[in-house]
Amino acid sequence: MKRLWQSHRKALIGFVLAATITLFFLVRLTVQAIYWSNPAHHDMPPQPWMTVRFVGRSWGIDPGLIDDKAGFPDPRAAGGHPLTLAEIARQRGQPVEQVIAELEAVLLALKAQEPPR
């Protein structure tokens, strides 16, 4: 190993770096797959801490479509930071319960438009 380090230092550093990055994304993929495969995380009722992306993933609906139908701000327009439902309500000057009620109505309408499985 010492000889490899002395003769191919850059290649060894590159390999270790690539392996570390690959391991990071593999762990991330595994954690997300386990989380979203749990049926308890499907069709979760919206909560103030959730983002539209989280709700969309839970309900199996494109978050961009939810934003368009509900009139929510585009997350890219907010400096790339996805807003929680509570933050959206604060920006609109509305109670969070009203924003959640609007979101639930949009979710039910979009689910009704889906073809049966």
Protein backbone atom coordinates (compact mmCIF):
# COMPACT_ATOMS: atom_id res chain seq x y z
CA MET A 1 0.00 0.00 0.00
CA LYS A 2 2.87 2.34 0.80
CA ARG A 3 4.31 1.81 -2.66
CA LEU A 4 0.94 2.52 -4.28
CA TRP A 5 0.69 5.77 -2.31
CA GLN A 6 4.19 6.82 -3.34
CA SER A 7 3.85 6.00 -7.03
CA HIS A 8 0.17 6.79 -7.77
CA ARG A 9 -0.84 9.34 -5.17
CA LYS A 10 -3.22 11.36 -7.41
CA ALA A 11 -4.96 8.26 -8.74
CA LEU A 12 -5.42 6.85 -5.23
CA ILE A 13 -6.82 10.14 -3.92
CA GLY A 14 -9.20 10.29 -6.89
CA PHE A 15 -10.34 6.72 -6.30
CA VAL A 16 -10.96 7.26 -2.58
CA LEU A 17 -12.85 10.48 -3.30
CA ALA A 18 -15.01 8.79 -5.97
CA ALA A 19 -15.71 5.83 -3.68
CA THR A 20 -16.69 8.17 -0.83
CA ILE A 21 -19.09 10.14 -3.04
CA THR A 22 -20.59 6.92 -4.40
CA LEU A 23 -21.09 5.58 -0.88
CA PHE A 24 -22.79 8.82 0.20
CA PHE A 25 -25.32 8.67 -2.64
CA LEU A 26 -25.89 4.95 -2.13
CA VAL A 27 -26.73 5.49 1.55
CA ARG A 28 -28.99 8.43 0.66
CA LEU A 29 -30.84 6.37 -1.96
CA THR A 30 -31.29 3.48 0.47
CA VAL A 31 -32.66 5.71 3.24
CA GLN A 32 -35.14 7.39 0.89
CA ALA A 33 -36.25 4.06 -0.59
CA ILE A 34 -36.92 2.63 2.86
CA TYR A 35 -38.76 5.78 4.01
CA TRP A 36 -41.05 6.10 0.97
CA SER A 37 -41.78 2.37 0.73
CA ASN A 38 -43.55 2.55 4.11
CA PRO A 39 -47.33 2.81 3.42
CA ALA A 40 -47.70 5.11 6.45
CA HIS A 41 -45.89 7.80 4.43
CA HIS A 42 -48.36 7.64 1.52
CA ASP A 43 -51.20 10.20 1.29
CA MET A 44 -50.17 11.87 4.54
CA PRO A 45 -52.44 14.73 5.62
CA PRO A 46 -50.66 18.05 5.06
CA GLN A 47 -49.04 19.61 8.12
CA PRO A 48 -47.63 23.15 8.55
CA TRP A 49 -44.00 21.89 8.59
CA MET A 50 -44.31 20.11 5.23
CA THR A 51 -43.14 21.52 1.92
CA VAL A 52 -45.16 21.16 -1.26
CA ARG A 53 -42.47 18.81 -2.56
CA PHE A 54 -42.89 16.54 0.48
CA VAL A 55 -46.68 16.54 0.10
CA GLY A 56 -46.39 15.84 -3.62
CA ARG A 57 -44.06 12.93 -3.04
CA SER A 58 -46.34 11.52 -0.35
CA TRP A 59 -49.41 11.77 -2.59
CA GLY A 60 -47.62 10.71 -5.79
CA ILE A 61 -48.38 14.03 -7.53
CA ASP A 62 -45.94 16.36 -9.27
CA PRO A 63 -45.18 19.23 -6.83
CA GLY A 64 -45.01 21.70 -9.72
CA LEU A 65 -48.58 20.80 -10.66
CA ILE A 66 -49.68 21.31 -7.06
CA ASP A 67 -47.98 24.73 -6.98
CA ASP A 68 -49.73 25.75 -10.21
CA LYS A 69 -53.20 24.58 -9.18
CA ALA A 70 -52.99 25.98 -5.63
CA GLY A 71 -51.33 29.24 -6.66
CA PHE A 72 -48.33 28.65 -4.44
CA PRO A 73 -45.03 30.41 -5.18
CA ASP A 74 -42.46 28.63 -7.29
CA PRO A 75 -39.67 27.36 -4.98
CA ARG A 76 -37.05 28.59 -7.45
CA ALA A 77 -38.45 32.13 -7.12
CA ALA A 78 -37.95 31.96 -3.35
CA GLY A 79 -34.18 31.77 -3.75
CA GLY A 80 -34.21 28.01 -4.25
CA HIS A 81 -35.45 27.42 -0.71
CA PRO A 82 -38.61 25.29 -0.68
CA LEU A 83 -41.18 26.97 1.54
CA THR A 84 -43.13 25.12 4.20
CA LEU A 85 -46.90 25.48 4.26
CA ALA A 86 -46.54 27.71 7.33
CA GLU A 87 -44.13 30.00 5.43
CA ILE A 88 -46.52 30.15 2.46
CA ALA A 89 -49.36 31.12 4.81
CA ARG A 90 -47.19 33.79 6.42
CA GLN A 91 -46.30 35.25 3.00
CA ARG A 92 -49.98 35.33 2.01
CA GLY A 93 -51.09 36.76 5.35
CA GLN A 94 -53.51 33.86 5.82
CA PRO A 95 -53.95 31.31 8.58
CA VAL A 96 -52.04 28.11 7.88
CA GLU A 97 -55.29 26.14 8.22
CA GLN A 98 -56.69 27.99 5.19
CA VAL A 99 -53.61 27.17 3.09
CA ILE A 100 -53.83 23.53 4.17
CA ALA A 101 -57.54 23.43 3.28
CA GLU A 102 -56.75 24.84 -0.20
CA LEU A 103 -53.97 22.29 -0.60
CA GLU A 104 -56.22 19.41 0.44
CA ALA A 105 -58.86 20.49 -2.09
CA VAL A 106 -56.22 20.60 -4.84
CA LEU A 107 -54.85 17.19 -3.83
CA LEU A 108 -58.29 15.58 -3.91
CA ALA A 109 -59.07 17.16 -7.30
CA LEU A 110 -55.75 15.99 -8.78
CA LYS A 111 -56.17 12.49 -7.34
CA ALA A 112 -59.66 12.30 -8.86
CA GLN A 113 -58.20 13.12 -12.29
CA GLU A 114 -55.75 10.20 -12.13
CA PRO A 115 -56.68 7.08 -14.05
CA PRO A 116 -57.48 4.11 -11.79
CA ARG A 117 -54.62 1.72 -11.09
